[in-house]
Amino acid sequence: MTNDDQILFRALSKGYKGAYTSIFRRYYASLLMYARRYVVDHDVAEDIIQDLFCALWLNREKLPD
């Protein structure tokens, strides 16, 4: 994890929506490619990653420093 990532995740844990957007843009494509290794259906893989990002936002206050 880079220093920029640490800053973004700290900001996310404090509820900054811009940090969430930046994390989404930075990681969505690579996470989707990772999910596609295990799930053949593209739509199902997208649903998995969307659920992951929803969980990230809902649990942002529980992120470790």
N, C-alpha and C. Protein backbone atom coordinates (compact mmCIF):
# COMPACT_ATOMS: atom_id res chain seq x y z
N MET A 1 0.85 -1.16 0.00
CA MET A 1 0.00 0.00 0.00
C MET A 1 0.90 1.24 0.00
N THR A 2 0.61 2.14 -0.91
CA THR A 2 1.42 3.35 -1.00
C THR A 2 0.98 4.36 0.05
N ASN A 3 1.79 5.38 0.20
CA ASN A 3 1.47 6.46 1.12
C ASN A 3 0.16 7.14 0.71
N ASP A 4 -0.04 7.32 -0.59
CA ASP A 4 -1.28 7.91 -1.10
C ASP A 4 -2.48 7.06 -0.71
N ASP A 5 -2.33 5.74 -0.82
CA ASP A 5 -3.42 4.84 -0.44
C ASP A 5 -3.75 4.99 1.04
N GLN A 6 -2.72 5.07 1.87
CA GLN A 6 -2.95 5.22 3.30
C GLN A 6 -3.71 6.50 3.61
N ILE A 7 -3.35 7.56 2.92
CA ILE A 7 -4.03 8.84 3.11
C ILE A 7 -5.49 8.73 2.69
N LEU A 8 -5.72 8.08 1.53
CA LEU A 8 -7.09 7.92 1.05
C LEU A 8 -7.93 7.09 2.02
N PHE A 9 -7.38 6.00 2.51
CA PHE A 9 -8.14 5.16 3.43
C PHE A 9 -8.39 5.83 4.77
N ARG A 10 -7.46 6.64 5.23
CA ARG A 10 -7.70 7.41 6.46
C ARG A 10 -8.83 8.42 6.24
N ALA A 11 -8.80 9.09 5.09
CA ALA A 11 -9.86 10.04 4.77
C ALA A 11 -11.20 9.34 4.63
N LEU A 12 -11.19 8.16 4.02
CA LEU A 12 -12.42 7.38 3.89
C LEU A 12 -12.98 7.04 5.26
N SER A 13 -12.11 6.63 6.17
CA SER A 13 -12.57 6.23 7.51
C SER A 13 -13.22 7.40 8.24
N LYS A 14 -12.89 8.62 7.82
CA LYS A 14 -13.49 9.82 8.42
C LYS A 14 -14.73 10.28 7.66
N GLY A 15 -15.08 9.54 6.60
CA GLY A 15 -16.32 9.83 5.88
C GLY A 15 -16.20 10.73 4.68
N TYR A 16 -14.99 11.00 4.21
CA TYR A 16 -14.81 11.86 3.04
C TYR A 16 -15.21 11.12 1.77
N LYS A 17 -16.27 11.59 1.14
CA LYS A 17 -16.79 10.93 -0.06
C LYS A 17 -15.80 11.00 -1.22
N GLY A 18 -15.03 12.07 -1.30
CA GLY A 18 -14.03 12.19 -2.36
C GLY A 18 -12.98 11.10 -2.28
N ALA A 19 -12.62 10.71 -1.07
CA ALA A 19 -11.65 9.62 -0.89
C ALA A 19 -12.25 8.30 -1.37
N TYR A 20 -13.53 8.09 -1.07
CA TYR A 20 -14.21 6.88 -1.54
C TYR A 20 -14.21 6.84 -3.06
N THR A 21 -14.53 7.95 -3.68
CA THR A 21 -14.55 8.03 -5.15
C THR A 21 -13.17 7.73 -5.71
N SER A 22 -12.14 8.28 -5.11
CA SER A 22 -10.78 8.04 -5.59
C SER A 22 -10.39 6.56 -5.45
N ILE A 23 -10.75 5.96 -4.34
CA ILE A 23 -10.45 4.53 -4.13
C ILE A 23 -11.21 3.69 -5.16
N PHE A 24 -12.47 4.03 -5.38
CA PHE A 24 -13.27 3.31 -6.37
C PHE A 24 -12.61 3.39 -7.74
N ARG A 25 -12.26 4.57 -8.16
CA ARG A 25 -11.64 4.75 -9.49
C ARG A 25 -10.29 4.05 -9.59
N ARG A 26 -9.56 4.03 -8.51
CA ARG A 26 -8.22 3.43 -8.52
C ARG A 26 -8.27 1.90 -8.55
N TYR A 27 -9.24 1.30 -7.86
CA TYR A 27 -9.22 -0.14 -7.66
C TYR A 27 -10.31 -0.93 -8.40
N TYR A 28 -11.34 -0.28 -8.88
CA TYR A 28 -12.48 -1.01 -9.45
C TYR A 28 -12.05 -1.95 -10.58
N ALA A 29 -11.33 -1.43 -11.55
CA ALA A 29 -10.98 -2.24 -12.73
C ALA A 29 -10.12 -3.44 -12.35
N SER A 30 -9.12 -3.24 -11.51
CA SER A 30 -8.25 -4.36 -11.15
C SER A 30 -8.99 -5.39 -10.29
N LEU A 31 -9.88 -4.93 -9.42
CA LEU A 31 -10.67 -5.87 -8.62
C LEU A 31 -11.64 -6.65 -9.50
N LEU A 32 -12.19 -5.99 -10.49
CA LEU A 32 -13.09 -6.68 -11.41
C LEU A 32 -12.33 -7.75 -12.18
N MET A 33 -11.14 -7.44 -12.66
CA MET A 33 -10.33 -8.44 -13.36
C MET A 33 -10.01 -9.62 -12.44
N TYR A 34 -9.71 -9.33 -11.18
CA TYR A 34 -9.43 -10.39 -10.21
C TYR A 34 -10.66 -11.28 -10.02
N ALA A 35 -11.81 -10.66 -9.86
CA ALA A 35 -13.04 -11.42 -9.66
C ALA A 35 -13.36 -12.28 -10.88
N ARG A 36 -13.05 -11.78 -12.06
CA ARG A 36 -13.33 -12.53 -13.29
C ARG A 36 -12.49 -13.81 -13.38
N ARG A 37 -11.41 -13.89 -12.65
CA ARG A 37 -10.62 -15.12 -12.62
C ARG A 37 -11.41 -16.27 -11.99
N TYR A 38 -12.31 -15.92 -11.09
CA TYR A 38 -13.05 -16.92 -10.33
C TYR A 38 -14.52 -17.03 -10.76
N VAL A 39 -15.04 -15.97 -11.36
CA VAL A 39 -16.45 -15.93 -11.76
C VAL A 39 -16.50 -15.67 -13.26
N VAL A 40 -17.07 -16.58 -13.99
CA VAL A 40 -17.09 -16.47 -15.45
C VAL A 40 -18.02 -15.34 -15.91
N ASP A 41 -19.16 -15.23 -15.28
CA ASP A 41 -20.17 -14.25 -15.69
C ASP A 41 -19.74 -12.83 -15.29
N HIS A 42 -19.61 -11.96 -16.27
CA HIS A 42 -19.15 -10.59 -16.04
C HIS A 42 -20.10 -9.84 -15.10
N ASP A 43 -21.40 -9.99 -15.30
CA ASP A 43 -22.37 -9.28 -14.45
C ASP A 43 -22.29 -9.72 -13.00
N VAL A 44 -22.07 -10.99 -12.77
CA VAL A 44 -21.93 -11.49 -11.40
C VAL A 44 -20.65 -10.94 -10.77
N ALA A 45 -19.58 -10.90 -11.54
CA ALA A 45 -18.32 -10.33 -11.03
C ALA A 45 -18.50 -8.86 -10.67
N GLU A 46 -19.21 -8.12 -11.52
CA GLU A 46 -19.49 -6.71 -11.21
C GLU A 46 -20.30 -6.57 -9.93
N ASP A 47 -21.31 -7.43 -9.77
CA ASP A 47 -22.12 -7.39 -8.54
C ASP A 47 -21.27 -7.64 -7.30
N ILE A 48 -20.35 -8.56 -7.39
CA ILE A 48 -19.47 -8.87 -6.26
C ILE A 48 -18.64 -7.65 -5.89
N ILE A 49 -18.05 -7.00 -6.88
CA ILE A 49 -17.20 -5.84 -6.61
C ILE A 49 -18.04 -4.67 -6.10
N GLN A 50 -19.24 -4.49 -6.64
CA GLN A 50 -20.11 -3.44 -6.14
C GLN A 50 -20.50 -3.70 -4.69
N ASP A 51 -20.78 -4.96 -4.36
CA ASP A 51 -21.07 -5.31 -2.97
C ASP A 51 -19.87 -5.02 -2.07
N LEU A 52 -18.68 -5.30 -2.57
CA LEU A 52 -17.47 -5.03 -1.81
C LEU A 52 -17.34 -3.54 -1.51
N PHE A 53 -17.58 -2.70 -2.51
CA PHE A 53 -17.46 -1.26 -2.30
C PHE A 53 -18.57 -0.72 -1.40
N CYS A 54 -19.76 -1.31 -1.49
CA CYS A 54 -20.82 -0.93 -0.56
C CYS A 54 -20.42 -1.26 0.88
N ALA A 55 -19.88 -2.45 1.07
CA ALA A 55 -19.44 -2.86 2.40
C ALA A 55 -18.31 -1.96 2.90
N LEU A 56 -17.42 -1.58 2.00
CA LEU A 56 -16.32 -0.68 2.38
C LEU A 56 -16.88 0.64 2.90
N TRP A 57 -17.86 1.20 2.20
CA TRP A 57 -18.43 2.47 2.64
C TRP A 57 -19.19 2.30 3.96
N LEU A 58 -19.98 1.25 4.06
CA LEU A 58 -20.78 1.05 5.26
C LEU A 58 -19.93 0.77 6.50
N ASN A 59 -18.74 0.21 6.29
CA ASN A 59 -17.86 -0.13 7.41
C ASN A 59 -16.63 0.77 7.49
N ARG A 60 -16.69 1.92 6.86
CA ARG A 60 -15.52 2.81 6.78
C ARG A 60 -14.99 3.23 8.15
N GLU A 61 -15.87 3.37 9.12
CA GLU A 61 -15.43 3.81 10.45
C GLU A 61 -14.66 2.72 11.20
N LYS A 62 -14.76 1.50 10.73
CA LYS A 62 -14.08 0.37 11.37
C LYS A 62 -12.71 0.10 10.77
N LEU A 63 -12.32 0.86 9.74
CA LEU A 63 -11.02 0.64 9.10
C LEU A 63 -9.90 0.93 10.10
N PRO A 64 -8.88 0.09 10.11
CA PRO A 64 -7.75 0.36 11.01
C PRO A 64 -6.94 1.56 10.52
N ASP A 65 -6.28 2.22 11.46
CA ASP A 65 -5.42 3.35 11.08
C ASP A 65 -4.22 2.81 10.37
